Amino acid sequence: MRLYSYYRSSTSYRMRIALNLKGLDYEIVPVNLLKSEQTAPEFSAQNPYATVPMLDAFGRNRAQSMAMLEWLDEACGGPALLPADIEQRFTVRELAYAIATELHAPLNMPVLQYLKTQLGHDQEAVDIWYRHWLKKTLVPVEYRLSQLDTGDFLMAEPGLFEAVLIPQLYNARRFNFDLGDMPCMTRIESACQTLDAFQRAHPDHQPDNPEKETAL
């Protein structure tokens, strides 16, 4: 397997976590979003969305991270990303998709660049935008977690929800979002950070991180 990835892309980050949790071997192929390498003809010809991550596996290229995560669970062995019980699967999907669908679209790089280059907003205004949408979704996710009386993970073991959550919390801290009132999420985050699958997926440890040598 080859994962086309950018070290700080939250969707690439979630795929790295999932591949590690499944115990799958894969090669990282860096795609520099800051240099717009994802729009190069040789890449966009394979992935018409011109986005990362893209997974080259089992004879075809695969795009769209949430579809890829569920495909991994259906096609590959290793620990399950989704629980067997239908109600537990719904719970995982509800929370994971709340983050993936409500936050990624308004907070991804092209949107933030558009706010600055096309609409003329400065970085402070962009940061306010970012934190506004984080609060709108993370507050109800935290409340739902408190209703579920979660432990170290949403279910017995980390899976699809944690793969989606942890990269978003990484981004939240980059934009100085206060997580102090979110004990359920930060408890899950702390438990995940002790695991090798999450440590190896972290942006600090990626081959295309320009600060990798000092970060390690």
N, C-alpha and C. Protein backbone atom coordinates (compact mmCIF):
# COMPACT_ATOMS: atom_id res chain seq x y z
N MET A 1 0.84 -1.20 0.00
CA MET A 1 0.00 0.00 0.00
C MET A 1 0.88 1.24 0.00
N ARG A 2 0.40 2.25 -0.72
CA ARG A 2 1.08 3.54 -0.74
C ARG A 2 0.07 4.61 -0.34
N LEU A 3 0.42 5.40 0.67
CA LEU A 3 -0.45 6.46 1.14
C LEU A 3 0.14 7.81 0.73
N TYR A 4 -0.57 8.50 -0.14
CA TYR A 4 -0.18 9.85 -0.54
C TYR A 4 -0.70 10.78 0.55
N SER A 5 0.22 11.50 1.18
CA SER A 5 -0.10 12.14 2.45
C SER A 5 0.65 13.46 2.59
N TYR A 6 0.06 14.39 3.34
CA TYR A 6 0.75 15.60 3.78
C TYR A 6 0.81 15.55 5.29
N TYR A 7 1.94 15.85 5.86
CA TYR A 7 2.15 15.56 7.28
C TYR A 7 1.16 16.24 8.20
N ARG A 8 0.67 17.44 7.84
CA ARG A 8 -0.21 18.18 8.73
C ARG A 8 -1.68 18.13 8.29
N SER A 9 -1.97 17.39 7.25
CA SER A 9 -3.35 17.20 6.81
C SER A 9 -4.09 16.31 7.81
N SER A 10 -5.21 16.80 8.32
CA SER A 10 -5.94 16.00 9.33
C SER A 10 -6.49 14.72 8.72
N THR A 11 -6.90 14.77 7.45
CA THR A 11 -7.44 13.57 6.82
C THR A 11 -6.34 12.55 6.55
N SER A 12 -5.15 13.03 6.19
CA SER A 12 -4.01 12.11 6.05
C SER A 12 -3.64 11.51 7.40
N TYR A 13 -3.66 12.34 8.42
CA TYR A 13 -3.34 11.92 9.78
C TYR A 13 -4.29 10.81 10.22
N ARG A 14 -5.60 10.97 9.95
CA ARG A 14 -6.56 9.94 10.37
C ARG A 14 -6.31 8.62 9.64
N MET A 15 -5.89 8.71 8.37
CA MET A 15 -5.59 7.49 7.63
C MET A 15 -4.35 6.80 8.17
N ARG A 16 -3.34 7.57 8.54
CA ARG A 16 -2.13 6.96 9.13
C ARG A 16 -2.47 6.23 10.42
N ILE A 17 -3.31 6.85 11.25
CA ILE A 17 -3.73 6.20 12.49
C ILE A 17 -4.44 4.88 12.18
N ALA A 18 -5.38 4.92 11.26
CA ALA A 18 -6.17 3.73 10.95
C ALA A 18 -5.30 2.61 10.40
N LEU A 19 -4.42 2.94 9.49
CA LEU A 19 -3.52 1.92 8.93
C LEU A 19 -2.65 1.31 10.02
N ASN A 20 -2.19 2.14 10.95
CA ASN A 20 -1.38 1.64 12.07
C ASN A 20 -2.21 0.76 13.00
N LEU A 21 -3.43 1.19 13.30
CA LEU A 21 -4.29 0.38 14.16
C LEU A 21 -4.57 -0.98 13.54
N LYS A 22 -4.71 -1.02 12.23
CA LYS A 22 -4.97 -2.28 11.53
C LYS A 22 -3.71 -3.13 11.37
N GLY A 23 -2.55 -2.56 11.70
CA GLY A 23 -1.30 -3.30 11.57
C GLY A 23 -0.87 -3.53 10.14
N LEU A 24 -1.22 -2.60 9.25
CA LEU A 24 -0.92 -2.75 7.82
C LEU A 24 0.39 -2.05 7.47
N ASP A 25 1.12 -2.64 6.57
CA ASP A 25 2.34 -2.03 6.05
C ASP A 25 1.99 -1.08 4.92
N TYR A 26 2.58 0.09 4.92
CA TYR A 26 2.31 1.06 3.86
C TYR A 26 3.50 2.00 3.72
N GLU A 27 3.61 2.55 2.53
CA GLU A 27 4.67 3.51 2.22
C GLU A 27 4.05 4.90 2.14
N ILE A 28 4.68 5.88 2.78
CA ILE A 28 4.23 7.27 2.70
C ILE A 28 4.83 7.91 1.45
N VAL A 29 3.96 8.51 0.64
CA VAL A 29 4.39 9.30 -0.51
C VAL A 29 3.98 10.74 -0.22
N PRO A 30 4.92 11.61 0.12
CA PRO A 30 4.56 12.99 0.49
C PRO A 30 4.00 13.77 -0.69
N VAL A 31 2.97 14.56 -0.40
CA VAL A 31 2.38 15.49 -1.36
C VAL A 31 2.32 16.84 -0.65
N ASN A 32 3.11 17.80 -1.12
CA ASN A 32 3.22 19.08 -0.44
C ASN A 32 2.07 19.99 -0.84
N LEU A 33 1.13 20.20 0.08
CA LEU A 33 -0.03 21.04 -0.21
C LEU A 33 0.36 22.51 -0.34
N LEU A 34 1.39 22.92 0.37
CA LEU A 34 1.81 24.32 0.30
C LEU A 34 2.38 24.65 -1.07
N LYS A 35 2.88 23.64 -1.77
CA LYS A 35 3.38 23.83 -3.13
C LYS A 35 2.36 23.41 -4.18
N SER A 36 1.14 23.12 -3.73
CA SER A 36 0.04 22.72 -4.63
C SER A 36 0.37 21.48 -5.46
N GLU A 37 1.15 20.57 -4.88
CA GLU A 37 1.50 19.37 -5.62
C GLU A 37 0.29 18.49 -5.89
N GLN A 38 -0.78 18.65 -5.10
CA GLN A 38 -1.98 17.85 -5.29
C GLN A 38 -2.73 18.24 -6.57
N THR A 39 -2.43 19.42 -7.11
CA THR A 39 -3.10 19.85 -8.35
C THR A 39 -2.27 19.55 -9.59
N ALA A 40 -1.08 18.98 -9.42
CA ALA A 40 -0.24 18.63 -10.57
C ALA A 40 -0.97 17.61 -11.45
N PRO A 41 -0.83 17.71 -12.76
CA PRO A 41 -1.57 16.82 -13.66
C PRO A 41 -1.34 15.34 -13.37
N GLU A 42 -0.11 14.97 -13.02
CA GLU A 42 0.17 13.56 -12.78
C GLU A 42 -0.55 13.03 -11.54
N PHE A 43 -0.84 13.94 -10.58
CA PHE A 43 -1.59 13.51 -9.39
C PHE A 43 -3.10 13.61 -9.61
N SER A 44 -3.56 14.72 -10.13
CA SER A 44 -5.01 14.90 -10.30
C SER A 44 -5.58 13.97 -11.36
N ALA A 45 -4.73 13.45 -12.26
CA ALA A 45 -5.21 12.47 -13.21
C ALA A 45 -5.60 11.17 -12.51
N GLN A 46 -4.91 10.87 -11.41
CA GLN A 46 -5.25 9.69 -10.62
C GLN A 46 -6.37 9.98 -9.63
N ASN A 47 -6.33 11.16 -9.04
CA ASN A 47 -7.32 11.55 -8.03
C ASN A 47 -7.99 12.84 -8.48
N PRO A 48 -9.15 12.76 -9.12
CA PRO A 48 -9.78 13.97 -9.67
C PRO A 48 -10.19 14.98 -8.62
N TYR A 49 -10.25 14.57 -7.34
CA TYR A 49 -10.55 15.53 -6.28
C TYR A 49 -9.36 16.42 -5.97
N ALA A 50 -8.15 15.98 -6.41
CA ALA A 50 -6.91 16.72 -6.16
C ALA A 50 -6.74 17.00 -4.67
N THR A 51 -6.88 15.95 -3.87
CA THR A 51 -6.77 16.05 -2.42
C THR A 51 -5.91 14.92 -1.89
N VAL A 52 -5.46 15.10 -0.68
CA VAL A 52 -4.88 14.00 0.09
C VAL A 52 -5.83 13.75 1.26
N PRO A 53 -5.81 12.51 1.74
CA PRO A 53 -4.98 11.39 1.34
C PRO A 53 -5.52 10.68 0.10
N MET A 54 -4.62 9.95 -0.54
CA MET A 54 -5.01 8.99 -1.57
C MET A 54 -4.27 7.70 -1.26
N LEU A 55 -4.99 6.60 -1.34
CA LEU A 55 -4.41 5.30 -1.01
C LEU A 55 -4.36 4.44 -2.26
N ASP A 56 -3.17 3.98 -2.59
CA ASP A 56 -2.97 3.05 -3.70
C ASP A 56 -2.93 1.65 -3.09
N ALA A 57 -4.00 0.88 -3.32
CA ALA A 57 -4.11 -0.43 -2.66
C ALA A 57 -4.98 -1.36 -3.49
N PHE A 58 -4.51 -2.59 -3.60
CA PHE A 58 -5.27 -3.66 -4.26
C PHE A 58 -5.66 -3.27 -5.69
N GLY A 59 -4.71 -2.66 -6.41
CA GLY A 59 -4.89 -2.42 -7.82
C GLY A 59 -5.66 -1.19 -8.22
N ARG A 60 -5.96 -0.29 -7.26
CA ARG A 60 -6.65 0.94 -7.62
C ARG A 60 -6.31 2.05 -6.64
N ASN A 61 -6.52 3.27 -7.08
CA ASN A 61 -6.35 4.43 -6.21
C ASN A 61 -7.67 4.75 -5.52
N ARG A 62 -7.59 5.08 -4.25
CA ARG A 62 -8.78 5.35 -3.46
C ARG A 62 -8.66 6.73 -2.82
N ALA A 63 -9.75 7.50 -2.89
CA ALA A 63 -9.79 8.84 -2.32
C ALA A 63 -10.94 8.93 -1.33
N GLN A 64 -11.01 10.08 -0.64
CA GLN A 64 -12.04 10.40 0.35
C GLN A 64 -11.84 9.55 1.62
N SER A 65 -11.31 10.18 2.63
CA SER A 65 -10.79 9.45 3.79
C SER A 65 -11.86 8.65 4.54
N MET A 66 -13.08 9.16 4.68
CA MET A 66 -14.07 8.41 5.45
C MET A 66 -14.48 7.13 4.73
N ALA A 67 -14.61 7.21 3.40
CA ALA A 67 -14.89 6.01 2.63
C ALA A 67 -13.71 5.04 2.72
N MET A 68 -12.51 5.58 2.72
CA MET A 68 -11.31 4.74 2.83
C MET A 68 -11.23 4.04 4.18
N LEU A 69 -11.61 4.73 5.24
CA LEU A 69 -11.58 4.13 6.57
C LEU A 69 -12.53 2.93 6.65
N GLU A 70 -13.72 3.10 6.14
CA GLU A 70 -14.68 1.99 6.19
C GLU A 70 -14.26 0.86 5.26
N TRP A 71 -13.66 1.22 4.13
CA TRP A 71 -13.15 0.18 3.22
C TRP A 71 -12.06 -0.64 3.91
N LEU A 72 -11.16 0.03 4.63
CA LEU A 72 -10.11 -0.70 5.35
C LEU A 72 -10.72 -1.75 6.27
N ASP A 73 -11.80 -1.37 6.96
CA ASP A 73 -12.40 -2.30 7.89
C ASP A 73 -13.05 -3.48 7.19
N GLU A 74 -13.59 -3.24 6.00
CA GLU A 74 -14.26 -4.30 5.26
C GLU A 74 -13.27 -5.18 4.50
N ALA A 75 -12.17 -4.61 4.04
CA ALA A 75 -11.27 -5.33 3.13
C ALA A 75 -10.05 -5.93 3.80
N CYS A 76 -9.66 -5.41 4.94
CA CYS A 76 -8.38 -5.79 5.53
C CYS A 76 -8.58 -6.41 6.91
N GLY A 77 -7.66 -7.24 7.29
CA GLY A 77 -7.71 -7.86 8.60
C GLY A 77 -7.24 -6.92 9.69
N GLY A 78 -6.93 -7.51 10.82
CA GLY A 78 -6.47 -6.71 11.95
C GLY A 78 -7.61 -6.23 12.82
N PRO A 79 -7.30 -5.49 13.87
CA PRO A 79 -8.34 -5.01 14.78
C PRO A 79 -9.39 -4.18 14.04
N ALA A 80 -10.66 -4.36 14.45
CA ALA A 80 -11.76 -3.67 13.79
C ALA A 80 -11.77 -2.19 14.16
N LEU A 81 -12.06 -1.35 13.17
CA LEU A 81 -12.24 0.08 13.42
C LEU A 81 -13.66 0.40 13.88
N LEU A 82 -14.60 -0.47 13.51
CA LEU A 82 -16.00 -0.32 13.91
C LEU A 82 -16.43 -1.55 14.70
N PRO A 83 -17.19 -1.36 15.77
CA PRO A 83 -17.63 -2.51 16.58
C PRO A 83 -18.64 -3.37 15.83
N ALA A 84 -18.83 -4.59 16.30
CA ALA A 84 -19.75 -5.53 15.65
C ALA A 84 -21.21 -5.18 15.91
N ASP A 85 -21.51 -4.67 17.09
CA ASP A 85 -22.89 -4.35 17.45
C ASP A 85 -23.40 -3.16 16.64
N ILE A 86 -24.60 -3.28 16.07
CA ILE A 86 -25.12 -2.24 15.18
C ILE A 86 -25.33 -0.91 15.89
N GLU A 87 -25.77 -0.92 17.14
CA GLU A 87 -25.99 0.32 17.86
C GLU A 87 -24.66 0.99 18.23
N GLN A 88 -23.69 0.18 18.59
CA GLN A 88 -22.36 0.75 18.86
C GLN A 88 -21.75 1.33 17.59
N ARG A 89 -21.97 0.64 16.45
CA ARG A 89 -21.46 1.17 15.18
C ARG A 89 -22.10 2.53 14.87
N PHE A 90 -23.40 2.64 15.16
CA PHE A 90 -24.06 3.93 14.92
C PHE A 90 -23.44 5.01 15.80
N THR A 91 -23.18 4.70 17.06
CA THR A 91 -22.60 5.69 17.97
C THR A 91 -21.26 6.18 17.45
N VAL A 92 -20.42 5.25 17.02
CA VAL A 92 -19.11 5.62 16.47
C VAL A 92 -19.28 6.49 15.24
N ARG A 93 -20.17 6.10 14.35
CA ARG A 93 -20.37 6.87 13.11
C ARG A 93 -20.95 8.25 13.41
N GLU A 94 -21.91 8.33 14.33
CA GLU A 94 -22.50 9.62 14.66
C GLU A 94 -21.43 10.63 15.06
N LEU A 95 -20.56 10.23 15.97
CA LEU A 95 -19.57 11.15 16.50
C LEU A 95 -18.44 11.40 15.50
N ALA A 96 -18.01 10.35 14.81
CA ALA A 96 -16.93 10.53 13.83
C ALA A 96 -17.38 11.40 12.67
N TYR A 97 -18.59 11.16 12.18
CA TYR A 97 -19.07 11.93 11.04
C TYR A 97 -19.42 13.36 11.43
N ALA A 98 -19.80 13.60 12.68
CA ALA A 98 -20.02 14.98 13.12
C ALA A 98 -18.74 15.79 12.93
N ILE A 99 -17.62 15.22 13.34
CA ILE A 99 -16.34 15.91 13.19
C ILE A 99 -15.93 15.99 11.73
N ALA A 100 -16.02 14.86 11.03
CA ALA A 100 -15.51 14.80 9.66
C ALA A 100 -16.32 15.67 8.70
N THR A 101 -17.64 15.69 8.86
CA THR A 101 -18.46 16.42 7.89
C THR A 101 -18.70 17.87 8.28
N GLU A 102 -18.76 18.16 9.57
CA GLU A 102 -19.07 19.52 9.98
C GLU A 102 -17.83 20.40 10.12
N LEU A 103 -16.67 19.80 10.32
CA LEU A 103 -15.47 20.60 10.56
C LEU A 103 -14.50 20.63 9.38
N HIS A 104 -14.34 19.52 8.71
CA HIS A 104 -13.31 19.51 7.66
C HIS A 104 -13.63 20.50 6.55
N ALA A 105 -14.89 20.55 6.13
CA ALA A 105 -15.23 21.42 4.99
C ALA A 105 -14.93 22.90 5.25
N PRO A 106 -15.38 23.50 6.38
CA PRO A 106 -15.09 24.92 6.57
C PRO A 106 -13.68 25.22 7.06
N LEU A 107 -12.93 24.20 7.46
CA LEU A 107 -11.63 24.45 8.09
C LEU A 107 -10.44 23.91 7.30
N ASN A 108 -10.67 23.39 6.11
CA ASN A 108 -9.52 22.85 5.39
C ASN A 108 -8.73 23.97 4.71
N MET A 109 -7.56 23.61 4.22
CA MET A 109 -6.62 24.62 3.74
C MET A 109 -7.17 25.51 2.61
N PRO A 110 -7.83 24.95 1.59
CA PRO A 110 -8.33 25.84 0.53
C PRO A 110 -9.30 26.91 1.04
N VAL A 111 -10.13 26.55 2.02
CA VAL A 111 -11.06 27.54 2.58
C VAL A 111 -10.30 28.62 3.33
N LEU A 112 -9.34 28.23 4.14
CA LEU A 112 -8.58 29.22 4.91
C LEU A 112 -7.78 30.13 3.98
N GLN A 113 -7.23 29.56 2.91
CA GLN A 113 -6.50 30.38 1.94
C GLN A 113 -7.45 31.34 1.23
N TYR A 114 -8.66 30.89 0.92
CA TYR A 114 -9.64 31.75 0.25
C TYR A 114 -10.03 32.93 1.15
N LEU A 115 -10.20 32.66 2.44
CA LEU A 115 -10.54 33.73 3.37
C LEU A 115 -9.48 34.84 3.35
N LYS A 116 -8.23 34.44 3.20
CA LYS A 116 -7.13 35.41 3.23
C LYS A 116 -6.89 36.06 1.87
N THR A 117 -6.78 35.23 0.83
CA THR A 117 -6.36 35.77 -0.47
C THR A 117 -7.50 36.41 -1.25
N GLN A 118 -8.68 35.83 -1.18
CA GLN A 118 -9.80 36.34 -1.96
C GLN A 118 -10.67 37.33 -1.17
N LEU A 119 -10.86 37.07 0.11
CA LEU A 119 -11.73 37.92 0.91
C LEU A 119 -10.96 38.94 1.76
N GLY A 120 -9.65 38.82 1.80
CA GLY A 120 -8.82 39.84 2.43
C GLY A 120 -8.77 39.81 3.94
N HIS A 121 -9.11 38.69 4.57
CA HIS A 121 -9.06 38.61 6.02
C HIS A 121 -7.63 38.36 6.49
N ASP A 122 -7.28 38.95 7.64
CA ASP A 122 -5.96 38.70 8.20
C ASP A 122 -5.98 37.41 9.02
N GLN A 123 -4.81 37.02 9.53
CA GLN A 123 -4.70 35.76 10.25
C GLN A 123 -5.56 35.74 11.50
N GLU A 124 -5.69 36.87 12.19
CA GLU A 124 -6.52 36.91 13.39
C GLU A 124 -7.97 36.58 13.05
N ALA A 125 -8.47 37.13 11.95
CA ALA A 125 -9.85 36.86 11.54
C ALA A 125 -10.02 35.40 11.15
N VAL A 126 -9.01 34.83 10.48
CA VAL A 126 -9.07 33.42 10.10
C VAL A 126 -9.09 32.54 11.35
N ASP A 127 -8.29 32.90 12.34
CA ASP A 127 -8.27 32.13 13.59
C ASP A 127 -9.63 32.18 14.29
N ILE A 128 -10.27 33.35 14.27
CA ILE A 128 -11.60 33.48 14.87
C ILE A 128 -12.59 32.57 14.15
N TRP A 129 -12.53 32.59 12.82
CA TRP A 129 -13.36 31.69 12.01
C TRP A 129 -13.14 30.25 12.43
N TYR A 130 -11.90 29.85 12.53
CA TYR A 130 -11.55 28.47 12.84
C TYR A 130 -12.13 28.05 14.19
N ARG A 131 -11.91 28.89 15.19
CA ARG A 131 -12.38 28.54 16.53
C ARG A 131 -13.90 28.55 16.62
N HIS A 132 -14.57 29.41 15.86
CA HIS A 132 -16.03 29.44 15.85
C HIS A 132 -16.60 28.08 15.43
N TRP A 133 -16.08 27.52 14.33
CA TRP A 133 -16.63 26.26 13.83
C TRP A 133 -16.20 25.09 14.70
N LEU A 134 -15.01 25.17 15.28
CA LEU A 134 -14.63 24.13 16.24
C LEU A 134 -15.61 24.07 17.41
N LYS A 135 -15.92 25.22 17.97
CA LYS A 135 -16.83 25.25 19.12
C LYS A 135 -18.21 24.72 18.74
N LYS A 136 -18.69 25.08 17.56
CA LYS A 136 -20.03 24.67 17.14
C LYS A 136 -20.19 23.15 17.13
N THR A 137 -19.12 22.43 16.77
CA THR A 137 -19.22 20.98 16.68
C THR A 137 -18.63 20.26 17.89
N LEU A 138 -17.50 20.72 18.40
CA LEU A 138 -16.86 19.99 19.48
C LEU A 138 -17.65 20.06 20.79
N VAL A 139 -18.36 21.15 21.03
CA VAL A 139 -19.16 21.24 22.26
C VAL A 139 -20.24 20.15 22.29
N PRO A 140 -21.06 19.99 21.24
CA PRO A 140 -22.04 18.90 21.29
C PRO A 140 -21.42 17.50 21.27
N VAL A 141 -20.28 17.34 20.59
CA VAL A 141 -19.61 16.04 20.64
C VAL A 141 -19.18 15.72 22.06
N GLU A 142 -18.63 16.71 22.75
CA GLU A 142 -18.23 16.51 24.14
C GLU A 142 -19.44 16.15 25.00
N TYR A 143 -20.55 16.84 24.78
CA TYR A 143 -21.75 16.55 25.57
C TYR A 143 -22.24 15.12 25.31
N ARG A 144 -22.22 14.72 24.05
CA ARG A 144 -22.64 13.36 23.73
C ARG A 144 -21.72 12.34 24.40
N LEU A 145 -20.43 12.60 24.41
CA LEU A 145 -19.50 11.69 25.09
C LEU A 145 -19.81 11.61 26.57
N SER A 146 -20.16 12.73 27.19
CA SER A 146 -20.49 12.71 28.62
C SER A 146 -21.77 11.91 28.87
N GLN A 147 -22.71 11.93 27.95
CA GLN A 147 -23.92 11.12 28.08
C GLN A 147 -23.62 9.63 28.01
N LEU A 148 -22.59 9.29 27.24
CA LEU A 148 -22.24 7.88 27.03
C LEU A 148 -21.37 7.31 28.14
N ASP A 149 -20.89 8.17 29.04
CA ASP A 149 -20.05 7.72 30.16
C ASP A 149 -18.85 6.91 29.64
N THR A 150 -18.09 7.53 28.76
CA THR A 150 -16.96 6.86 28.12
C THR A 150 -15.79 6.66 29.08
N GLY A 151 -14.93 5.72 28.73
CA GLY A 151 -13.69 5.50 29.46
C GLY A 151 -12.53 6.07 28.69
N ASP A 152 -11.45 5.29 28.59
CA ASP A 152 -10.28 5.77 27.87
C ASP A 152 -10.56 5.95 26.38
N PHE A 153 -11.47 5.15 25.84
CA PHE A 153 -11.84 5.24 24.43
C PHE A 153 -13.36 5.24 24.33
N LEU A 154 -13.87 5.57 23.15
CA LEU A 154 -15.32 5.57 22.97
C LEU A 154 -15.89 4.18 23.20
N MET A 155 -15.23 3.18 22.62
CA MET A 155 -15.61 1.79 22.84
C MET A 155 -14.48 1.10 23.61
N ALA A 156 -14.45 -0.20 23.60
CA ALA A 156 -13.44 -0.91 24.39
C ALA A 156 -12.03 -0.64 23.88
N GLU A 157 -11.88 -0.48 22.56
CA GLU A 157 -10.59 -0.23 21.95
C GLU A 157 -10.69 0.96 21.01
N PRO A 158 -9.58 1.64 20.74
CA PRO A 158 -9.64 2.77 19.80
C PRO A 158 -9.96 2.30 18.40
N GLY A 159 -10.66 3.14 17.66
CA GLY A 159 -11.04 2.76 16.30
C GLY A 159 -11.31 3.98 15.45
N LEU A 160 -12.37 3.92 14.66
CA LEU A 160 -12.65 4.96 13.69
C LEU A 160 -12.86 6.33 14.34
N PHE A 161 -13.58 6.37 15.46
CA PHE A 161 -13.81 7.66 16.11
C PHE A 161 -12.50 8.31 16.56
N GLU A 162 -11.65 7.55 17.20
CA GLU A 162 -10.39 8.11 17.68
C GLU A 162 -9.50 8.54 16.52
N ALA A 163 -9.55 7.79 15.41
CA ALA A 163 -8.76 8.15 14.24
C ALA A 163 -9.18 9.50 13.67
N VAL A 164 -10.46 9.84 13.82
CA VAL A 164 -10.97 11.12 13.35
C VAL A 164 -10.77 12.22 14.39
N LEU A 165 -10.97 11.89 15.65
CA LEU A 165 -10.89 12.89 16.72
C LEU A 165 -9.50 13.45 16.93
N ILE A 166 -8.50 12.58 17.04
CA ILE A 166 -7.16 13.02 17.45
C ILE A 166 -6.57 14.05 16.50
N PRO A 167 -6.65 13.88 15.18
CA PRO A 167 -6.14 14.93 14.29
C PRO A 167 -6.86 16.26 14.45
N GLN A 168 -8.17 16.21 14.75
CA GLN A 168 -8.90 17.47 14.91
C GLN A 168 -8.47 18.19 16.18
N LEU A 169 -8.16 17.45 17.23
CA LEU A 169 -7.67 18.09 18.45
C LEU A 169 -6.27 18.66 18.25
N TYR A 170 -5.47 17.98 17.44
CA TYR A 170 -4.15 18.52 17.08
C TYR A 170 -4.32 19.87 16.39
N ASN A 171 -5.24 19.95 15.44
CA ASN A 171 -5.48 21.21 14.75
C ASN A 171 -6.06 22.26 15.68
N ALA A 172 -6.93 21.84 16.58
CA ALA A 172 -7.53 22.79 17.53
C ALA A 172 -6.45 23.49 18.35
N ARG A 173 -5.47 22.75 18.78
CA ARG A 173 -4.39 23.35 19.56
C ARG A 173 -3.54 24.29 18.71
N ARG A 174 -3.37 23.96 17.45
CA ARG A 174 -2.61 24.84 16.56
C ARG A 174 -3.26 26.21 16.45
N PHE A 175 -4.59 26.25 16.57
CA PHE A 175 -5.33 27.50 16.46
C PHE A 175 -5.77 28.03 17.83
N ASN A 176 -5.10 27.54 18.88
CA ASN A 176 -5.29 28.05 20.25
C ASN A 176 -6.75 27.95 20.72
N PHE A 177 -7.38 26.84 20.37
CA PHE A 177 -8.73 26.59 20.85
C PHE A 177 -8.67 25.99 22.24
N ASP A 178 -9.47 26.52 23.15
CA ASP A 178 -9.45 26.09 24.55
C ASP A 178 -10.21 24.77 24.71
N LEU A 179 -9.48 23.73 25.07
CA LEU A 179 -10.08 22.41 25.30
C LEU A 179 -10.29 22.13 26.79
N GLY A 180 -10.17 23.16 27.60
CA GLY A 180 -10.24 22.97 29.05
C GLY A 180 -11.58 22.45 29.54
N ASP A 181 -12.66 22.74 28.81
CA ASP A 181 -14.00 22.29 29.22
C ASP A 181 -14.42 21.01 28.50
N MET A 182 -13.46 20.27 28.00
CA MET A 182 -13.77 19.07 27.24
C MET A 182 -13.01 17.87 27.81
N PRO A 183 -13.36 17.46 29.04
CA PRO A 183 -12.61 16.40 29.71
C PRO A 183 -12.75 15.03 29.04
N CYS A 184 -13.89 14.76 28.43
CA CYS A 184 -14.06 13.44 27.79
C CYS A 184 -13.12 13.31 26.59
N MET A 185 -13.10 14.33 25.76
CA MET A 185 -12.24 14.28 24.58
C MET A 185 -10.77 14.26 24.96
N THR A 186 -10.38 15.08 25.90
CA THR A 186 -8.97 15.14 26.25
C THR A 186 -8.53 13.88 26.99
N ARG A 187 -9.46 13.22 27.71
CA ARG A 187 -9.12 11.94 28.33
C ARG A 187 -8.86 10.88 27.26
N ILE A 188 -9.72 10.84 26.26
CA ILE A 188 -9.51 9.91 25.15
C ILE A 188 -8.20 10.23 24.43
N GLU A 189 -7.95 11.50 24.22
CA GLU A 189 -6.71 11.92 23.55
C GLU A 189 -5.48 11.45 24.33
N SER A 190 -5.51 11.64 25.64
CA SER A 190 -4.36 11.22 26.46
C SER A 190 -4.12 9.72 26.37
N ALA A 191 -5.20 8.94 26.38
CA ALA A 191 -5.05 7.49 26.26
C ALA A 191 -4.48 7.10 24.90
N CYS A 192 -4.95 7.77 23.85
CA CYS A 192 -4.45 7.47 22.50
C CYS A 192 -2.98 7.81 22.36
N GLN A 193 -2.56 8.89 22.98
CA GLN A 193 -1.18 9.34 22.83
C GLN A 193 -0.17 8.37 23.43
N THR A 194 -0.62 7.43 24.24
CA THR A 194 0.30 6.43 24.81
C THR A 194 0.52 5.25 23.86
N LEU A 195 -0.26 5.17 22.78
CA LEU A 195 -0.23 4.01 21.89
C LEU A 195 0.67 4.26 20.68
N ASP A 196 1.40 3.23 20.30
CA ASP A 196 2.34 3.33 19.19
C ASP A 196 1.65 3.73 17.89
N ALA A 197 0.46 3.21 17.64
CA ALA A 197 -0.24 3.51 16.39
C ALA A 197 -0.50 5.00 16.23
N PHE A 198 -0.79 5.68 17.31
CA PHE A 198 -1.03 7.11 17.26
C PHE A 198 0.28 7.90 17.26
N GLN A 199 1.25 7.44 18.01
CA GLN A 199 2.54 8.13 18.04
C GLN A 199 3.19 8.14 16.67
N ARG A 200 3.19 7.00 15.98
CA ARG A 200 3.82 6.92 14.66
C ARG A 200 3.08 7.74 13.60
N ALA A 201 1.79 7.96 13.82
CA ALA A 201 0.99 8.72 12.85
C ALA A 201 1.11 10.22 13.05
N HIS A 202 1.65 10.67 14.17
CA HIS A 202 1.69 12.09 14.50
C HIS A 202 2.46 12.88 13.45
N PRO A 203 2.02 14.10 13.15
CA PRO A 203 2.73 14.93 12.16
C PRO A 203 4.21 15.12 12.45
N ASP A 204 4.59 15.17 13.72
CA ASP A 204 6.00 15.35 14.06
C ASP A 204 6.88 14.23 13.52
N HIS A 205 6.30 13.07 13.28
CA HIS A 205 7.09 11.90 12.93
C HIS A 205 7.01 11.53 11.45
N GLN A 206 6.50 12.44 10.64
CA GLN A 206 6.33 12.14 9.22
C GLN A 206 7.55 12.56 8.41
N PRO A 207 7.85 11.83 7.34
CA PRO A 207 9.07 12.12 6.57
C PRO A 207 9.06 13.48 5.90
N ASP A 208 7.87 14.06 5.66
CA ASP A 208 7.80 15.37 5.00
C ASP A 208 7.66 16.52 5.98
N ASN A 209 7.74 16.25 7.28
CA ASN A 209 7.72 17.34 8.25
C ASN A 209 9.05 18.08 8.19
N PRO A 210 9.04 19.36 7.82
CA PRO A 210 10.31 20.08 7.69
C PRO A 210 11.08 20.24 9.00
N GLU A 211 10.38 20.04 10.12
CA GLU A 211 11.04 20.17 11.42
C GLU A 211 11.23 18.81 12.08
N LYS A 212 11.18 17.75 11.29
CA LYS A 212 11.21 16.40 11.86
C LYS A 212 12.44 16.17 12.75
N GLU A 213 13.58 16.61 12.31
CA GLU A 213 14.81 16.32 13.07
C GLU A 213 14.76 16.92 14.46
N THR A 214 14.23 18.16 14.56
CA THR A 214 14.15 18.77 15.88
C THR A 214 12.95 18.26 16.66
N ALA A 215 11.87 17.92 15.93
CA ALA A 215 10.65 17.44 16.61
C ALA A 215 10.88 16.11 17.29
N LEU A 216 11.69 15.25 16.68
CA LEU A 216 11.97 13.95 17.28
C LEU A 216 12.94 14.07 18.42
